[in-house]
Amino acid sequence: MKKVLILCLVILTACNSKPKTPFQVLKSVKIKDGVKLDVQVNSRISKKEMVDIASYIKSDSSQYNNLQVDFILPSNSYANKAGVTVYATAAYHDKTIVSPADTVADKNKNFLSFEFVGFTPEKARELLSLDPKELAGKQIIGKFIDDATKTISLIAEDKQENNQLYILELDSAGTVVSAIAPMEVTDKGVRKMVVSQQGDYMTLKDSILTMYSSTDVDKPYRSIKQSR
C-alpha cells in the first residue's frame, strides 16, 4: 500500500512539475469567475510548450473556473500607447459550460482552447527567410516581425549610397506593402528614422525597433525585438 501511495505522489508531481521552458507572469487581471494572466516567454515557442505552461499555471490556480493565459514576447511594454501584443492565447473555461473551442487536451487531460494570435514559429521562419529583390546589394541590419500588423519589416543599409537606410515592409504572403527611405535625424542624442511627412519616426537600439507617432513624439507607440 505504501509503495502504491509513493507511486501516486511521484506521478502527481511529474504531472504538475514546472515546465522547462522559462516564463514569467507579468500581469494578472480578474475576469468573470476567473483570472487573465499576461505571461512573457523568451521566444516564439511552440504550441505544446505554451499548453504545458498553461497546464502548470492551471494546476496552481484550480480555484478559478475560467483561466486565460495571454503569451507575450520580449520587448513589449505596458508603457507603449498600443499596449502589448499577444502572441498566443490559451484558455480554460468553466467545465459546466460546453465550449466548442475547447479542443486541446493538456497533460492532465483537461480541455482548453488555444489560438495563435500572432505568427506561428513555422510562419515566422518562413518570413525571416525572405530575400526581397528590392534590397538586393544592400546590407540587412534587422528583421522585425510585427504580430499586431501581421507584417515583417526589414531594415537595410546601402553602403554605396552614403549608408542610406531603407525600410521594407512585407505582409504574410511576402508582398511589399510599403518601402521607405527614411530621413535620419539626431535629436538630443537620439538617432531617429523619420518615416512620414507628419513626423512619425522609429528608433533602433539594442536590437529593439520602437515606433513613435507624430501626435505624441515622446511616448512609444509599439516596440518589437529583432527576430532571428
Protein backbone atom coordinates (compact mmCIF):
# COMPACT_ATOMS: atom_id res chain seq x y z
CA MET A 1 0.00 0.00 0.00
CA LYS A 2 2.89 2.34 0.88
CA LYS A 3 4.55 1.67 -2.48
CA VAL A 4 1.31 2.48 -4.30
CA LEU A 5 0.97 5.76 -2.40
CA ILE A 6 4.56 6.76 -3.22
CA LEU A 7 3.98 5.92 -6.89
CA CYS A 8 0.85 8.10 -6.95
CA LEU A 9 2.75 11.00 -5.42
CA VAL A 10 5.54 10.66 -8.00
CA ILE A 11 3.04 10.66 -10.85
CA LEU A 12 1.22 13.68 -9.42
CA THR A 13 4.49 15.61 -9.00
CA ALA A 14 5.56 14.78 -12.56
CA CYS A 15 2.24 15.97 -13.96
CA ASN A 16 2.46 19.28 -12.13
CA SER A 17 6.22 19.87 -12.37
CA LYS A 18 7.30 23.27 -13.63
CA PRO A 19 7.88 23.33 -17.41
CA LYS A 20 11.47 23.54 -18.65
CA THR A 21 10.53 26.46 -20.88
CA PRO A 22 11.18 29.72 -18.98
CA PHE A 23 8.23 32.04 -18.42
CA GLN A 24 7.29 35.00 -16.25
CA VAL A 25 3.86 36.21 -15.16
CA LEU A 26 3.76 39.94 -15.91
CA LYS A 27 0.20 40.89 -15.05
CA SER A 28 -2.96 39.47 -13.52
CA VAL A 29 -6.47 40.81 -14.15
CA LYS A 30 -9.70 39.46 -12.70
CA ILE A 31 -12.36 38.34 -15.17
CA LYS A 32 -15.78 36.76 -14.61
CA ASP A 33 -15.30 33.68 -12.41
CA GLY A 34 -11.60 33.70 -13.07
CA VAL A 35 -8.41 35.48 -13.97
CA LYS A 36 -6.47 36.58 -17.05
CA LEU A 37 -2.69 36.43 -16.96
CA ASP A 38 -0.09 38.01 -19.22
CA VAL A 39 2.85 35.60 -19.39
CA GLN A 40 6.12 36.52 -21.05
CA VAL A 41 8.15 33.87 -22.85
CA ASN A 42 11.65 34.37 -24.22
CA SER A 43 10.95 33.43 -27.83
CA ARG A 44 8.36 32.21 -30.29
CA ILE A 45 7.89 28.87 -28.56
CA SER A 46 5.70 26.01 -29.76
CA LYS A 47 2.03 25.34 -29.07
CA LYS A 48 2.93 22.32 -26.90
CA GLU A 49 5.28 24.40 -24.75
CA MET A 50 2.59 27.03 -24.18
CA VAL A 51 -0.05 24.41 -23.37
CA ASP A 52 2.36 22.88 -20.83
CA ILE A 53 2.87 26.29 -19.22
CA ALA A 54 -0.89 26.93 -19.14
CA SER A 55 -1.43 23.48 -17.61
CA TYR A 56 1.12 24.19 -14.87
CA ILE A 57 -0.50 27.53 -14.09
CA LYS A 58 -3.95 25.92 -14.09
CA SER A 59 -2.82 23.31 -11.55
CA ASP A 60 -1.75 26.16 -9.29
CA SER A 61 -4.95 28.14 -9.94
CA SER A 62 -7.57 25.42 -9.61
CA GLN A 63 -9.85 27.77 -7.64
CA TYR A 64 -10.68 29.62 -10.88
CA ASN A 65 -13.35 28.26 -13.22
CA ASN A 66 -12.03 30.45 -16.03
CA LEU A 67 -8.33 30.96 -16.69
CA GLN A 68 -6.95 32.84 -19.70
CA VAL A 69 -3.23 32.94 -20.39
CA ASP A 70 -2.03 35.51 -22.92
CA PHE A 71 1.54 34.85 -24.05
CA ILE A 72 3.72 37.90 -24.65
CA LEU A 73 7.07 38.11 -26.46
CA PRO A 74 10.03 40.18 -25.21
CA SER A 75 10.25 43.98 -25.78
CA ASN A 76 6.52 44.51 -25.21
CA SER A 77 5.80 47.29 -22.75
CA TYR A 78 2.66 48.41 -20.95
CA ALA A 79 4.05 51.95 -21.28
CA ASN A 80 3.52 51.82 -25.05
CA LYS A 81 0.44 53.61 -26.37
CA ALA A 82 -0.60 50.49 -28.27
CA GLY A 83 -0.11 48.34 -25.18
CA VAL A 84 1.27 44.83 -25.50
CA THR A 85 0.82 42.48 -28.45
CA VAL A 86 -0.40 38.97 -27.69
CA TYR A 87 1.49 36.13 -29.36
CA ALA A 88 -0.93 33.34 -28.42
CA THR A 89 -3.80 32.65 -26.03
CA ALA A 90 -4.69 29.56 -24.01
CA ALA A 91 -7.94 29.48 -22.06
CA TYR A 92 -9.65 27.12 -19.64
CA HIS A 93 -13.41 27.59 -19.36
CA ASP A 94 -15.98 26.63 -16.77
CA LYS A 95 -16.38 22.84 -17.05
CA THR A 96 -20.13 23.14 -16.52
CA ILE A 97 -20.43 25.06 -19.80
CA VAL A 98 -19.67 23.19 -23.01
CA SER A 99 -17.41 25.25 -25.29
CA PRO A 100 -16.79 24.08 -28.89
CA ALA A 101 -13.44 25.91 -28.75
CA ASP A 102 -12.08 23.54 -26.08
CA THR A 103 -10.41 21.08 -28.42
CA VAL A 104 -6.93 20.84 -26.88
CA ALA A 105 -6.10 18.42 -24.05
CA ASP A 106 -3.28 19.24 -21.65
CA LYS A 107 -1.06 16.69 -19.87
CA ASN A 108 -3.66 16.37 -17.10
CA LYS A 109 -6.42 15.59 -19.62
CA ASN A 110 -8.13 18.92 -19.04
CA PHE A 111 -9.53 20.56 -22.14
CA LEU A 112 -8.80 24.14 -23.16
CA SER A 113 -8.87 26.39 -26.18
CA PHE A 114 -5.69 27.59 -27.88
CA GLU A 115 -5.11 30.18 -30.58
CA PHE A 116 -2.07 31.72 -32.23
CA VAL A 117 -2.86 35.43 -32.37
CA GLY A 118 0.48 36.20 -33.98
CA PHE A 119 2.62 34.24 -36.40
CA THR A 120 3.40 30.61 -35.61
CA PRO A 121 7.09 29.64 -35.27
CA GLU A 122 6.91 27.96 -38.68
CA LYS A 123 5.44 31.02 -40.39
CA ALA A 124 7.94 33.28 -38.66
CA ARG A 125 10.85 31.20 -40.01
CA GLU A 126 9.31 31.44 -43.48
CA LEU A 127 9.10 35.23 -43.23
CA LEU A 128 12.66 35.51 -41.94
CA SER A 129 13.91 33.56 -44.95
CA LEU A 130 12.50 36.10 -47.41
CA ASP A 131 15.11 37.75 -49.64
CA PRO A 132 13.26 40.54 -51.49
CA LYS A 133 14.82 41.79 -54.72
CA GLU A 134 14.14 45.36 -53.60
CA LEU A 135 17.01 45.04 -51.11
CA ALA A 136 19.50 43.39 -53.47
CA GLY A 137 23.02 44.71 -52.89
CA LYS A 138 22.08 46.25 -49.55
CA GLN A 139 23.12 45.04 -46.10
CA ILE A 140 20.20 43.97 -43.95
CA ILE A 141 20.74 45.16 -40.38
CA GLY A 142 17.48 44.00 -38.83
CA LYS A 143 14.32 41.94 -39.33
CA PHE A 144 11.28 42.70 -37.19
CA ILE A 145 8.11 40.62 -37.13
CA ASP A 146 5.04 42.60 -36.07
CA ASP A 147 2.27 40.31 -34.83
CA ALA A 148 -0.07 43.28 -34.44
CA THR A 149 0.00 44.26 -38.12
CA LYS A 150 0.82 40.77 -39.43
CA THR A 151 3.88 42.10 -41.26
CA ILE A 152 7.66 41.87 -41.24
CA SER A 153 9.88 44.94 -41.60
CA LEU A 154 13.39 44.66 -42.99
CA ILE A 155 15.86 47.49 -42.39
CA ALA A 156 18.80 47.65 -44.75
CA GLU A 157 21.76 49.94 -45.34
CA ASP A 158 23.25 50.86 -48.72
CA LYS A 159 27.00 51.37 -48.40
CA GLN A 160 27.16 52.71 -51.95
CA GLU A 161 24.65 55.48 -51.18
CA ASN A 162 26.35 57.05 -48.18
CA ASN A 163 24.84 54.47 -45.81
CA GLN A 164 21.26 55.39 -46.73
CA LEU A 165 18.74 53.30 -44.81
CA TYR A 166 15.77 51.55 -46.37
CA ILE A 167 12.74 50.06 -44.59
CA LEU A 168 10.78 47.44 -46.48
CA GLU A 169 7.52 46.14 -45.01
CA LEU A 170 6.02 42.89 -46.30
CA ASP A 171 2.77 41.13 -45.49
CA SER A 172 2.36 37.46 -44.56
CA ALA A 173 2.44 36.46 -48.23
CA GLY A 174 5.76 38.24 -48.77
CA THR A 175 4.19 41.09 -50.76
CA VAL A 176 5.67 44.54 -50.28
CA VAL A 177 3.17 46.86 -48.58
CA SER A 178 5.49 49.81 -48.04
CA ALA A 179 9.00 50.88 -49.00
CA ILE A 180 10.58 53.87 -47.30
CA ALA A 181 13.95 55.61 -47.40
CA PRO A 182 13.70 57.33 -44.01
CA MET A 183 15.28 60.66 -43.24
CA GLU A 184 17.76 60.26 -40.41
CA VAL A 185 18.00 62.95 -37.76
CA THR A 186 19.63 63.11 -34.36
CA ASP A 187 17.60 64.80 -31.64
CA LYS A 188 19.00 65.12 -28.11
CA GLY A 189 21.41 62.31 -28.83
CA VAL A 190 18.68 60.00 -30.17
CA ARG A 191 19.04 58.74 -33.74
CA LYS A 192 15.62 58.85 -35.38
CA MET A 193 14.36 57.42 -38.67
CA VAL A 194 11.58 59.74 -39.82
CA VAL A 195 9.15 57.71 -41.91
CA SER A 196 6.33 60.15 -42.73
CA GLN A 197 5.78 63.78 -43.65
CA GLN A 198 3.77 64.15 -40.45
CA GLY A 199 6.83 63.27 -38.38
CA ASP A 200 6.19 59.64 -37.38
CA TYR A 201 9.53 58.06 -36.60
CA MET A 202 11.34 54.94 -35.44
CA THR A 203 14.39 54.28 -33.32
CA LEU A 204 16.62 51.21 -33.36
CA LYS A 205 18.57 50.49 -30.20
CA ASP A 206 19.77 47.26 -28.60
CA SER A 207 18.02 45.24 -31.34
CA ILE A 208 14.63 46.78 -30.48
CA LEU A 209 12.68 48.76 -33.06
CA THR A 210 10.44 51.34 -31.40
CA MET A 211 7.76 53.30 -33.25
CA TYR A 212 6.55 56.78 -32.34
CA SER A 213 3.53 58.71 -33.60
CA SER A 214 3.74 62.36 -34.65
CA THR A 215 0.78 63.04 -32.34
CA ASP A 216 2.84 62.08 -29.28
CA VAL A 217 6.52 62.13 -30.20
CA ASP A 218 7.78 61.38 -26.70
CA LYS A 219 5.67 58.29 -25.95
CA PRO A 220 6.48 54.97 -27.68
CA TYR A 221 3.63 53.52 -29.72
CA ARG A 222 4.90 49.95 -30.15
CA SER A 223 8.23 48.16 -29.75
CA ILE A 224 9.46 44.99 -31.45
CA LYS A 225 12.55 42.92 -30.73
CA GLN A 226 14.68 41.86 -33.66
CA SER A 227 13.75 38.41 -34.95
CA ARG A 228 16.40 35.78 -35.66
